[in-house]
Amino acid sequence: TGNSKINAAALDNLGRRLVTGAQDGTVKVWNFSTGVCLQNCIPSAPGEVTGVIYTRDPLLKAVVAGGWNRKVTLWPDIADDTRGGIEATQEMSGQLDDILCLC
């Protein structure tokens, strides 16, 4: 996540990949064993990320983040190398206050 502090982290269901969310709004997926960045999730709007999770539904494989932009954003969790950046596939808004965590 570069030079920005990481606010949130979560492992996938198998414990192989780690998703991180940072103060600068970046969301990244890492190989937990090697530390290699696998996916760079492009934020749809600026704002500090305060919560990240992997979806547990096998039909909806996604990385989910929320934070100070008051939105919940989903990116597809795909096997391809997306270090160059991947756009969000869904964004949910309407929250009136900052999102402090996701479970």
PDB file of N, CA and C in Angstrom:
ATOM      1  N   THR A   1       0.831  -1.178   0.000  1.00  0.00           N
ATOM      2  CA  THR A   1       0.000   0.000   0.000  1.00  0.00           C
ATOM      3  C   THR A   1       0.879   1.246   0.000  1.00  0.00           C
ATOM      4  N   GLY A   2       2.088   1.111  -0.374  1.00  0.00           N
ATOM      5  CA  GLY A   2       2.961   2.270  -0.485  1.00  0.00           C
ATOM      6  C   GLY A   2       3.363   2.832   0.848  1.00  0.00           C
ATOM      7  N   ASN A   3       3.330   4.143   0.965  1.00  0.00           N
ATOM      8  CA  ASN A   3       3.752   4.817   2.184  1.00  0.00           C
ATOM      9  C   ASN A   3       2.608   5.123   3.135  1.00  0.00           C
ATOM     10  N   SER A   4       1.399   4.767   2.767  1.00  0.00           N
ATOM     11  CA  SER A   4       0.236   5.074   3.594  1.00  0.00           C
ATOM     12  C   SER A   4       0.019   3.998   4.655  1.00  0.00           C
ATOM     13  N   LYS A   5      -0.489   4.400   5.790  1.00  0.00           N
ATOM     14  CA  LYS A   5      -0.751   3.460   6.880  1.00  0.00           C
ATOM     15  C   LYS A   5      -1.953   2.580   6.545  1.00  0.00           C
ATOM     16  N   ILE A   6      -1.840   1.301   6.894  1.00  0.00           N
ATOM     17  CA  ILE A   6      -2.925   0.350   6.684  1.00  0.00           C
ATOM     18  C   ILE A   6      -3.878   0.427   7.874  1.00  0.00           C
ATOM     19  N   ASN A   7      -5.160   0.615   7.573  1.00  0.00           N
ATOM     20  CA  ASN A   7      -6.197   0.703   8.607  1.00  0.00           C
ATOM     21  C   ASN A   7      -6.941  -0.602   8.808  1.00  0.00           C
ATOM     22  N   ALA A   8      -7.028  -1.424   7.758  1.00  0.00           N
ATOM     23  CA  ALA A   8      -7.861  -2.621   7.817  1.00  0.00           C
ATOM     24  C   ALA A   8      -7.203  -3.737   7.019  1.00  0.00           C
ATOM     25  N   ALA A   9      -7.391  -4.963   7.490  1.00  0.00           N
ATOM     26  CA  ALA A   9      -6.853  -6.127   6.792  1.00  0.00           C
ATOM     27  C   ALA A   9      -7.752  -7.323   7.063  1.00  0.00           C
ATOM     28  N   ALA A  10      -7.839  -8.229   6.087  1.00  0.00           N
ATOM     29  CA  ALA A  10      -8.633  -9.444   6.246  1.00  0.00           C
ATOM     30  C   ALA A  10      -8.050 -10.534   5.359  1.00  0.00           C
ATOM     31  N   LEU A  11      -8.080 -11.760   5.858  1.00  0.00           N
ATOM     32  CA  LEU A  11      -7.647 -12.917   5.076  1.00  0.00           C
ATOM     33  C   LEU A  11      -8.825 -13.510   4.325  1.00  0.00           C
ATOM     34  N   ASP A  12      -8.543 -14.142   3.173  1.00  0.00           N
ATOM     35  CA  ASP A  12      -9.594 -14.859   2.464  1.00  0.00           C
ATOM     36  C   ASP A  12      -9.938 -16.129   3.244  1.00  0.00           C
ATOM     37  N   ASN A  13     -10.933 -16.861   2.771  1.00  0.00           N
ATOM     38  CA  ASN A  13     -11.431 -18.032   3.493  1.00  0.00           C
ATOM     39  C   ASN A  13     -10.379 -19.122   3.670  1.00  0.00           C
ATOM     40  N   LEU A  14      -9.413 -19.188   2.757  1.00  0.00           N
ATOM     41  CA  LEU A  14      -8.371 -20.215   2.828  1.00  0.00           C
ATOM     42  C   LEU A  14      -7.105 -19.728   3.525  1.00  0.00           C
ATOM     43  N   GLY A  15      -7.047 -18.446   3.864  1.00  0.00           N
ATOM     44  CA  GLY A  15      -5.871 -17.904   4.522  1.00  0.00           C
ATOM     45  C   GLY A  15      -4.681 -17.728   3.601  1.00  0.00           C
ATOM     46  N   ARG A  16      -4.929 -17.664   2.305  1.00  0.00           N
ATOM     47  CA  ARG A  16      -3.844 -17.546   1.326  1.00  0.00           C
ATOM     48  C   ARG A  16      -3.595 -16.121   0.853  1.00  0.00           C
ATOM     49  N   ARG A  17      -4.650 -15.311   0.892  1.00  0.00           N
ATOM     50  CA  ARG A  17      -4.519 -13.936   0.409  1.00  0.00           C
ATOM     51  C   ARG A  17      -4.986 -12.967   1.480  1.00  0.00           C
ATOM     52  N   LEU A  18      -4.352 -11.816   1.497  1.00  0.00           N
ATOM     53  CA  LEU A  18      -4.647 -10.770   2.462  1.00  0.00           C
ATOM     54  C   LEU A  18      -5.105  -9.538   1.702  1.00  0.00           C
ATOM     55  N   VAL A  19      -6.234  -8.981   2.086  1.00  0.00           N
ATOM     56  CA  VAL A  19      -6.688  -7.719   1.507  1.00  0.00           C
ATOM     57  C   VAL A  19      -6.428  -6.627   2.533  1.00  0.00           C
ATOM     58  N   THR A  20      -5.916  -5.480   2.053  1.00  0.00           N
ATOM     59  CA  THR A  20      -5.617  -4.359   2.945  1.00  0.00           C
ATOM     60  C   THR A  20      -6.304  -3.098   2.441  1.00  0.00           C
ATOM     61  N   GLY A  21      -6.684  -2.250   3.371  1.00  0.00           N
ATOM     62  CA  GLY A  21      -7.239  -0.940   3.073  1.00  0.00           C
ATOM     63  C   GLY A  21      -6.436   0.104   3.820  1.00  0.00           C
ATOM     64  N   ALA A  22      -6.136   1.217   3.167  1.00  0.00           N
ATOM     65  CA  ALA A  22      -5.212   2.188   3.745  1.00  0.00           C
ATOM     66  C   ALA A  22      -5.820   3.576   3.882  1.00  0.00           C
ATOM     67  N   GLN A  23      -5.085   4.430   4.591  1.00  0.00           N
ATOM     68  CA  GLN A  23      -5.510   5.813   4.810  1.00  0.00           C
ATOM     69  C   GLN A  23      -5.651   6.585   3.506  1.00  0.00           C
ATOM     70  N   ASP A  24      -4.840   6.259   2.511  1.00  0.00           N
ATOM     71  CA  ASP A  24      -4.897   6.995   1.242  1.00  0.00           C
ATOM     72  C   ASP A  24      -5.997   6.488   0.309  1.00  0.00           C
ATOM     73  N   GLY A  25      -6.814   5.533   0.770  1.00  0.00           N
ATOM     74  CA  GLY A  25      -7.933   5.034  -0.029  1.00  0.00           C
ATOM     75  C   GLY A  25      -7.609   3.821  -0.872  1.00  0.00           C
ATOM     76  N   THR A  26      -6.374   3.342  -0.831  1.00  0.00           N
ATOM     77  CA  THR A  26      -6.014   2.188  -1.644  1.00  0.00           C
ATOM     78  C   THR A  26      -6.495   0.894  -1.001  1.00  0.00           C
ATOM     79  N   VAL A  27      -6.871  -0.057  -1.862  1.00  0.00           N
ATOM     80  CA  VAL A  27      -7.253  -1.399  -1.453  1.00  0.00           C
ATOM     81  C   VAL A  27      -6.436  -2.350  -2.316  1.00  0.00           C
ATOM     82  N   LYS A  28      -5.717  -3.263  -1.669  1.00  0.00           N
ATOM     83  CA  LYS A  28      -4.866  -4.197  -2.405  1.00  0.00           C
ATOM     84  C   LYS A  28      -5.033  -5.605  -1.865  1.00  0.00           C
ATOM     85  N   VAL A  29      -4.780  -6.573  -2.764  1.00  0.00           N
ATOM     86  CA  VAL A  29      -4.800  -7.982  -2.402  1.00  0.00           C
ATOM     87  C   VAL A  29      -3.378  -8.507  -2.527  1.00  0.00           C
ATOM     88  N   TRP A  30      -2.927  -9.230  -1.502  1.00  0.00           N
ATOM     89  CA  TRP A  30      -1.559  -9.726  -1.426  1.00  0.00           C
ATOM     90  C   TRP A  30      -1.544 -11.243  -1.277  1.00  0.00           C
ATOM     91  N   ASN A  31      -0.505 -11.878  -1.816  1.00  0.00           N
ATOM     92  CA  ASN A  31      -0.240 -13.277  -1.510  1.00  0.00           C
ATOM     93  C   ASN A  31       0.312 -13.288  -0.092  1.00  0.00           C
ATOM     94  N   PHE A  32      -0.391 -13.946   0.830  1.00  0.00           N
ATOM     95  CA  PHE A  32      -0.003 -13.888   2.232  1.00  0.00           C
ATOM     96  C   PHE A  32       1.339 -14.576   2.488  1.00  0.00           C
ATOM     97  N   SER A  33       1.662 -15.591   1.704  1.00  0.00           N
ATOM     98  CA  SER A  33       2.915 -16.327   1.908  1.00  0.00           C
ATOM     99  C   SER A  33       4.134 -15.591   1.380  1.00  0.00           C
ATOM    100  N   THR A  34       3.974 -14.956   0.203  1.00  0.00           N
ATOM    101  CA  THR A  34       5.133 -14.344  -0.459  1.00  0.00           C
ATOM    102  C   THR A  34       5.198 -12.831  -0.307  1.00  0.00           C
ATOM    103  N   GLY A  35       4.063 -12.196   0.016  1.00  0.00           N
ATOM    104  CA  GLY A  35       4.031 -10.741   0.119  1.00  0.00           C
ATOM    105  C   GLY A  35       3.911 -10.034  -1.211  1.00  0.00           C
ATOM    106  N   VAL A  36       3.656 -10.767  -2.290  1.00  0.00           N
ATOM    107  CA  VAL A  36       3.519 -10.179  -3.621  1.00  0.00           C
ATOM    108  C   VAL A  36       2.120  -9.590  -3.780  1.00  0.00           C
ATOM    109  N   CYS A  37       2.050  -8.369  -4.317  1.00  0.00           N
ATOM    110  CA  CYS A  37       0.751  -7.742  -4.597  1.00  0.00           C
ATOM    111  C   CYS A  37       0.123  -8.428  -5.798  1.00  0.00           C
ATOM    112  N   LEU A  38      -1.113  -8.893  -5.647  1.00  0.00           N
ATOM    113  CA  LEU A  38      -1.826  -9.593  -6.704  1.00  0.00           C
ATOM    114  C   LEU A  38      -2.869  -8.724  -7.393  1.00  0.00           C
ATOM    115  N   GLN A  39      -3.433  -7.790  -6.667  1.00  0.00           N
ATOM    116  CA  GLN A  39      -4.549  -7.016  -7.197  1.00  0.00           C
ATOM    117  C   GLN A  39      -4.523  -5.619  -6.600  1.00  0.00           C
ATOM    118  N   ASN A  40      -4.671  -4.620  -7.463  1.00  0.00           N
ATOM    119  CA  ASN A  40      -4.760  -3.223  -7.048  1.00  0.00           C
ATOM    120  C   ASN A  40      -6.170  -2.752  -7.368  1.00  0.00           C
ATOM    121  N   CYS A  41      -6.978  -2.546  -6.360  1.00  0.00           N
ATOM    122  CA  CYS A  41      -8.379  -2.150  -6.539  1.00  0.00           C
ATOM    123  C   CYS A  41      -8.457  -0.626  -6.618  1.00  0.00           C
ATOM    124  N   ILE A  42      -8.949  -0.127  -7.734  1.00  0.00           N
ATOM    125  CA  ILE A  42      -9.019   1.314  -7.952  1.00  0.00           C
ATOM    126  C   ILE A  42     -10.246   1.873  -7.230  1.00  0.00           C
ATOM    127  N   PRO A  43     -10.045   2.803  -6.303  1.00  0.00           N
ATOM    128  CA  PRO A  43     -11.194   3.370  -5.582  1.00  0.00           C
ATOM    129  C   PRO A  43     -12.045   4.231  -6.510  1.00  0.00           C
ATOM    130  N   SER A  44     -13.356   4.177  -6.313  1.00  0.00           N
ATOM    131  CA  SER A  44     -14.264   4.968  -7.143  1.00  0.00           C
ATOM    132  C   SER A  44     -14.353   6.410  -6.671  1.00  0.00           C
ATOM    133  N   ALA A  45     -14.009   6.641  -5.411  1.00  0.00           N
ATOM    134  CA  ALA A  45     -14.034   7.986  -4.837  1.00  0.00           C
ATOM    135  C   ALA A  45     -12.962   8.062  -3.759  1.00  0.00           C
ATOM    136  N   PRO A  46     -12.383   9.241  -3.555  1.00  0.00           N
ATOM    137  CA  PRO A  46     -11.358   9.346  -2.515  1.00  0.00           C
ATOM    138  C   PRO A  46     -11.943   9.162  -1.122  1.00  0.00           C
ATOM    139  N   GLY A  47     -11.129   8.679  -0.211  1.00  0.00           N
ATOM    140  CA  GLY A  47     -11.564   8.515   1.164  1.00  0.00           C
ATOM    141  C   GLY A  47     -10.813   7.406   1.844  1.00  0.00           C
ATOM    142  N   GLU A  48     -10.506   7.619   3.096  1.00  0.00           N
ATOM    143  CA  GLU A  48      -9.775   6.631   3.881  1.00  0.00           C
ATOM    144  C   GLU A  48     -10.586   5.352   4.014  1.00  0.00           C
ATOM    145  N   VAL A  49      -9.938   4.214   3.835  1.00  0.00           N
ATOM    146  CA  VAL A  49     -10.587   2.912   3.981  1.00  0.00           C
ATOM    147  C   VAL A  49     -10.458   2.467   5.427  1.00  0.00           C
ATOM    148  N   THR A  50     -11.598   2.086   6.025  1.00  0.00           N
ATOM    149  CA  THR A  50     -11.601   1.679   7.431  1.00  0.00           C
ATOM    150  C   THR A  50     -12.037   0.238   7.632  1.00  0.00           C
ATOM    151  N   GLY A  51     -12.521  -0.419   6.579  1.00  0.00           N
ATOM    152  CA  GLY A  51     -12.936  -1.811   6.702  1.00  0.00           C
ATOM    153  C   GLY A  51     -12.822  -2.536   5.380  1.00  0.00           C
ATOM    154  N   VAL A  52     -12.340  -3.773   5.411  1.00  0.00           N
ATOM    155  CA  VAL A  52     -12.246  -4.624   4.220  1.00  0.00           C
ATOM    156  C   VAL A  52     -12.646  -6.041   4.584  1.00  0.00           C
ATOM    157  N   ILE A  53     -13.254  -6.743   3.638  1.00  0.00           N
ATOM    158  CA  ILE A  53     -13.587  -8.155   3.812  1.00  0.00           C
ATOM    159  C   ILE A  53     -13.559  -8.842   2.453  1.00  0.00           C
ATOM    160  N   TYR A  54     -13.491 -10.165   2.487  1.00  0.00           N
ATOM    161  CA  TYR A  54     -13.771 -11.000   1.322  1.00  0.00           C
ATOM    162  C   TYR A  54     -15.190 -11.501   1.482  1.00  0.00           C
ATOM    163  N   THR A  55     -15.939 -11.562   0.399  1.00  0.00           N
ATOM    164  CA  THR A  55     -17.269 -12.164   0.493  1.00  0.00           C
ATOM    165  C   THR A  55     -17.102 -13.653   0.716  1.00  0.00           C
ATOM    166  N   ARG A  56     -18.003 -14.231   1.481  1.00  0.00           N
ATOM    167  CA  ARG A  56     -17.930 -15.661   1.790  1.00  0.00           C
ATOM    168  C   ARG A  56     -18.806 -16.494   0.860  1.00  0.00           C
ATOM    169  N   ASP A  57     -19.604 -15.837   0.047  1.00  0.00           N
ATOM    170  CA  ASP A  57     -20.492 -16.527  -0.881  1.00  0.00           C
ATOM    171  C   ASP A  57     -19.676 -17.029  -2.071  1.00  0.00           C
ATOM    172  N   PRO A  58     -19.668 -18.339  -2.350  1.00  0.00           N
ATOM    173  CA  PRO A  58     -18.860 -18.857  -3.462  1.00  0.00           C
ATOM    174  C   PRO A  58     -19.330 -18.365  -4.837  1.00  0.00           C
ATOM    175  N   LEU A  59     -20.572 -17.899  -4.939  1.00  0.00           N
ATOM    176  CA  LEU A  59     -21.067 -17.397  -6.212  1.00  0.00           C
ATOM    177  C   LEU A  59     -20.698 -15.932  -6.447  1.00  0.00           C
ATOM    178  N   LEU A  60     -20.410 -15.202  -5.390  1.00  0.00           N
ATOM    179  CA  LEU A  60     -20.042 -13.796  -5.494  1.00  0.00           C
ATOM    180  C   LEU A  60     -18.644 -13.627  -4.914  1.00  0.00           C
ATOM    181  N   LYS A  61     -17.647 -13.817  -5.743  1.00  0.00           N
ATOM    182  CA  LYS A  61     -16.270 -13.669  -5.273  1.00  0.00           C
ATOM    183  C   LYS A  61     -15.873 -12.216  -5.443  1.00  0.00           C
ATOM    184  N   ALA A  62     -15.723 -11.537  -4.309  1.00  0.00           N
ATOM    185  CA  ALA A  62     -15.444 -10.101  -4.368  1.00  0.00           C
ATOM    186  C   ALA A  62     -14.660  -9.654  -3.147  1.00  0.00           C
ATOM    187  N   VAL A  63     -13.942  -8.559  -3.349  1.00  0.00           N
ATOM    188  CA  VAL A  63     -13.283  -7.824  -2.282  1.00  0.00           C
ATOM    189  C   VAL A  63     -14.193  -6.644  -1.972  1.00  0.00           C
ATOM    190  N   VAL A  64     -14.456  -6.388  -0.699  1.00  0.00           N
ATOM    191  CA  VAL A  64     -15.392  -5.341  -0.294  1.00  0.00           C
ATOM    192  C   VAL A  64     -14.673  -4.376   0.646  1.00  0.00           C
ATOM    193  N   ALA A  65     -14.888  -3.083   0.435  1.00  0.00           N
ATOM    194  CA  ALA A  65     -14.270  -2.073   1.299  1.00  0.00           C
ATOM    195  C   ALA A  65     -15.261  -0.964   1.604  1.00  0.00           C
ATOM    196  N   GLY A  66     -15.066  -0.334   2.744  1.00  0.00           N
ATOM    197  CA  GLY A  66     -15.871   0.817   3.142  1.00  0.00           C
ATOM    198  C   GLY A  66     -15.006   1.780   3.927  1.00  0.00           C
ATOM    199  N   GLY A  67     -15.473   3.021   4.044  1.00  0.00           N
ATOM    200  CA  GLY A  67     -14.662   3.982   4.781  1.00  0.00           C
ATOM    201  C   GLY A  67     -15.287   5.355   4.866  1.00  0.00           C
ATOM    202  N   TRP A  68     -14.414   6.337   4.879  1.00  0.00           N
ATOM    203  CA  TRP A  68     -14.838   7.709   5.100  1.00  0.00           C
ATOM    204  C   TRP A  68     -15.580   8.324   3.925  1.00  0.00           C
ATOM    205  N   ASN A  69     -15.596   7.659   2.774  1.00  0.00           N
ATOM    206  CA  ASN A  69     -16.380   8.199   1.660  1.00  0.00           C
ATOM    207  C   ASN A  69     -17.851   7.786   1.756  1.00  0.00           C
ATOM    208  N   ARG A  70     -18.196   7.036   2.826  1.00  0.00           N
ATOM    209  CA  ARG A  70     -19.582   6.643   3.125  1.00  0.00           C
ATOM    210  C   ARG A  70     -20.173   5.705   2.077  1.00  0.00           C
ATOM    211  N   LYS A  71     -19.309   4.938   1.416  1.00  0.00           N
ATOM    212  CA  LYS A  71     -19.749   3.995   0.389  1.00  0.00           C
ATOM    213  C   LYS A  71     -19.160   2.626   0.674  1.00  0.00           C
ATOM    214  N   VAL A  72     -19.886   1.584   0.260  1.00  0.00           N
ATOM    215  CA  VAL A  72     -19.369   0.225   0.268  1.00  0.00           C
ATOM    216  C   VAL A  72     -19.096  -0.129  -1.189  1.00  0.00           C
ATOM    217  N   THR A  73     -17.857  -0.533  -1.463  1.00  0.00           N
ATOM    218  CA  THR A  73     -17.426  -0.774  -2.838  1.00  0.00           C
ATOM    219  C   THR A  73     -16.997  -2.223  -2.990  1.00  0.00           C
ATOM    220  N   LEU A  74     -17.386  -2.842  -4.129  1.00  0.00           N
ATOM    221  CA  LEU A  74     -17.026  -4.223  -4.435  1.00  0.00           C
ATOM    222  C   LEU A  74     -16.168  -4.267  -5.685  1.00  0.00           C
ATOM    223  N   TRP A  75     -15.103  -5.080  -5.619  1.00  0.00           N
ATOM    224  CA  TRP A  75     -14.263  -5.369  -6.774  1.00  0.00           C
ATOM    225  C   TRP A  75     -14.291  -6.871  -6.992  1.00  0.00           C
ATOM    226  N   PRO A  76     -14.266  -7.331  -8.237  1.00  0.00           N
ATOM    227  CA  PRO A  76     -14.250  -8.777  -8.462  1.00  0.00           C
ATOM    228  C   PRO A  76     -12.943  -9.381  -7.952  1.00  0.00           C
ATOM    229  N   ASP A  77     -13.040 -10.537  -7.335  1.00  0.00           N
ATOM    230  CA  ASP A  77     -11.859 -11.264  -6.867  1.00  0.00           C
ATOM    231  C   ASP A  77     -11.528 -12.288  -7.947  1.00  0.00           C
ATOM    232  N   ILE A  78     -10.630 -11.901  -8.832  1.00  0.00           N
ATOM    233  CA  ILE A  78     -10.310 -12.753  -9.975  1.00  0.00           C
ATOM    234  C   ILE A  78      -8.878 -13.236  -9.888  1.00  0.00           C
ATOM    235  N   ALA A  79      -8.605 -14.329 -10.598  1.00  0.00           N
ATOM    236  CA  ALA A  79      -7.276 -14.947 -10.534  1.00  0.00           C
ATOM    237  C   ALA A  79      -6.261 -14.222 -11.411  1.00  0.00           C
ATOM    238  N   ASP A  80      -6.715 -13.425 -12.362  1.00  0.00           N
ATOM    239  CA  ASP A  80      -5.792 -12.735 -13.256  1.00  0.00           C
ATOM    240  C   ASP A  80      -4.942 -11.726 -12.492  1.00  0.00           C
ATOM    241  N   ASP A  81      -3.773 -11.423 -13.039  1.00  0.00           N
ATOM    242  CA  ASP A  81      -2.892 -10.406 -12.463  1.00  0.00           C
ATOM    243  C   ASP A  81      -3.502  -9.040 -12.740  1.00  0.00           C
ATOM    244  N   THR A  82      -3.931  -8.360 -11.705  1.00  0.00           N
ATOM    245  CA  THR A  82      -4.562  -7.048 -11.864  1.00  0.00           C
ATOM    246  C   THR A  82      -3.809  -5.995 -11.073  1.00  0.00           C
ATOM    247  N   ARG A  83      -2.476  -6.144 -10.993  1.00  0.00           N
ATOM    248  CA  ARG A  83      -1.685  -5.155 -10.271  1.00  0.00           C
ATOM    249  C   ARG A  83      -1.754  -3.788 -10.932  1.00  0.00           C
ATOM    250  N   GLY A  84      -2.055  -3.766 -12.236  1.00  0.00           N
ATOM    251  CA  GLY A  84      -2.176  -2.495 -12.945  1.00  0.00           C
ATOM    252  C   GLY A  84      -3.433  -1.741 -12.566  1.00  0.00           C
ATOM    253  N   GLY A  85      -4.375  -2.418 -11.934  1.00  0.00           N
ATOM    254  CA  GLY A  85      -5.600  -1.771 -11.473  1.00  0.00           C
ATOM    255  C   GLY A  85      -6.843  -2.454 -11.995  1.00  0.00           C
ATOM    256  N   ILE A  86      -7.823  -2.573 -11.134  1.00  0.00           N
ATOM    257  CA  ILE A  86      -9.108  -3.141 -11.504  1.00  0.00           C
ATOM    258  C   ILE A  86     -10.200  -2.218 -10.978  1.00  0.00           C
ATOM    259  N   GLU A  87     -11.172  -1.949 -11.835  1.00  0.00           N
ATOM    260  CA  GLU A  87     -12.275  -1.049 -11.481  1.00  0.00           C
ATOM    261  C   GLU A  87     -13.308  -1.768 -10.618  1.00  0.00           C
ATOM    262  N   ALA A  88     -13.984  -1.020  -9.792  1.00  0.00           N
ATOM    263  CA  ALA A  88     -15.056  -1.561  -8.966  1.00  0.00           C
ATOM    264  C   ALA A  88     -16.224  -1.991  -9.843  1.00  0.00           C
ATOM    265  N   THR A  89     -16.894  -3.066  -9.452  1.00  0.00           N
ATOM    266  CA  THR A  89     -18.059  -3.538 -10.191  1.00  0.00           C
ATOM    267  C   THR A  89     -19.369  -3.081  -9.575  1.00  0.00           C
ATOM    268  N   GLN A  90     -19.321  -2.707  -8.303  1.00  0.00           N
ATOM    269  CA  GLN A  90     -20.539  -2.261  -7.635  1.00  0.00           C
ATOM    270  C   GLN A  90     -20.184  -1.294  -6.516  1.00  0.00           C
ATOM    271  N   GLU A  91     -21.067  -0.326  -6.326  1.00  0.00           N
ATOM    272  CA  GLU A  91     -20.877   0.640  -5.253  1.00  0.00           C
ATOM    273  C   GLU A  91     -22.229   0.916  -4.617  1.00  0.00           C
ATOM    274  N   MET A  92     -22.272   0.866  -3.307  1.00  0.00           N
ATOM    275  CA  MET A  92     -23.507   1.121  -2.577  1.00  0.00           C
ATOM    276  C   MET A  92     -23.330   2.379  -1.750  1.00  0.00           C
ATOM    277  N   SER A  93     -24.232   3.321  -1.936  1.00  0.00           N
ATOM    278  CA  SER A  93     -24.152   4.578  -1.194  1.00  0.00           C
ATOM    279  C   SER A  93     -25.473   4.821  -0.469  1.00  0.00           C
ATOM    280  N   GLY A  94     -25.514   5.855   0.322  1.00  0.00           N
ATOM    281  CA  GLY A  94     -26.709   6.182   1.090  1.00  0.00           C
ATOM    282  C   GLY A  94     -26.433   6.245   2.579  1.00  0.00           C
ATOM    283  N   GLN A  95     -25.256   5.771   2.986  1.00  0.00           N
ATOM    284  CA  GLN A  95     -24.862   5.859   4.390  1.00  0.00           C
ATOM    285  C   GLN A  95     -24.665   7.327   4.743  1.00  0.00           C
ATOM    286  N   LEU A  96     -25.206   7.774   5.845  1.00  0.00           N
ATOM    287  CA  LEU A  96     -25.122   9.182   6.226  1.00  0.00           C
ATOM    288  C   LEU A  96     -23.851   9.525   6.997  1.00  0.00           C
ATOM    289  N   ASP A  97     -23.224   8.529   7.596  1.00  0.00           N
ATOM    290  CA  ASP A  97     -22.000   8.750   8.363  1.00  0.00           C
ATOM    291  C   ASP A  97     -20.872   7.888   7.807  1.00  0.00           C
ATOM    292  N   ASP A  98     -19.669   8.145   8.274  1.00  0.00           N
ATOM    293  CA  ASP A  98     -18.520   7.356   7.867  1.00  0.00           C
ATOM    294  C   ASP A  98     -18.736   5.887   8.244  1.00  0.00           C
ATOM    295  N   ILE A  99     -18.185   4.995   7.428  1.00  0.00           N
ATOM    296  CA  ILE A  99     -18.227   3.569   7.728  1.00  0.00           C
ATOM    297  C   ILE A  99     -16.962   3.232   8.500  1.00  0.00           C
ATOM    298  N   LEU A 100     -17.113   2.703   9.690  1.00  0.00           N
ATOM    299  CA  LEU A 100     -15.970   2.468  10.559  1.00  0.00           C
ATOM    300  C   LEU A 100     -15.428   1.034  10.498  1.00  0.00           C
ATOM    301  N   CYS A 101     -16.270   0.078  10.114  1.00  0.00           N
ATOM    302  CA  CYS A 101     -15.775  -1.298   9.988  1.00  0.00           C
ATOM    303  C   CYS A 101     -16.750  -2.110   9.160  1.00  0.00           C
ATOM    304  N   LEU A 102     -16.285  -3.264   8.673  1.00  0.00           N
ATOM    305  CA  LEU A 102     -17.106  -4.240   7.972  1.00  0.00           C
ATOM    306  C   LEU A 102     -16.866  -5.590   8.632  1.00  0.00           C
ATOM    307  N   CYS A 103     -17.908  -6.425   8.727  1.00  0.00           N
ATOM    308  CA  CYS A 103     -17.746  -7.748   9.339  1.00  0.00           C
ATOM    309  C   CYS A 103     -18.301  -8.815   8.412  1.00  0.00           C
TER     310      CYS A 103
END
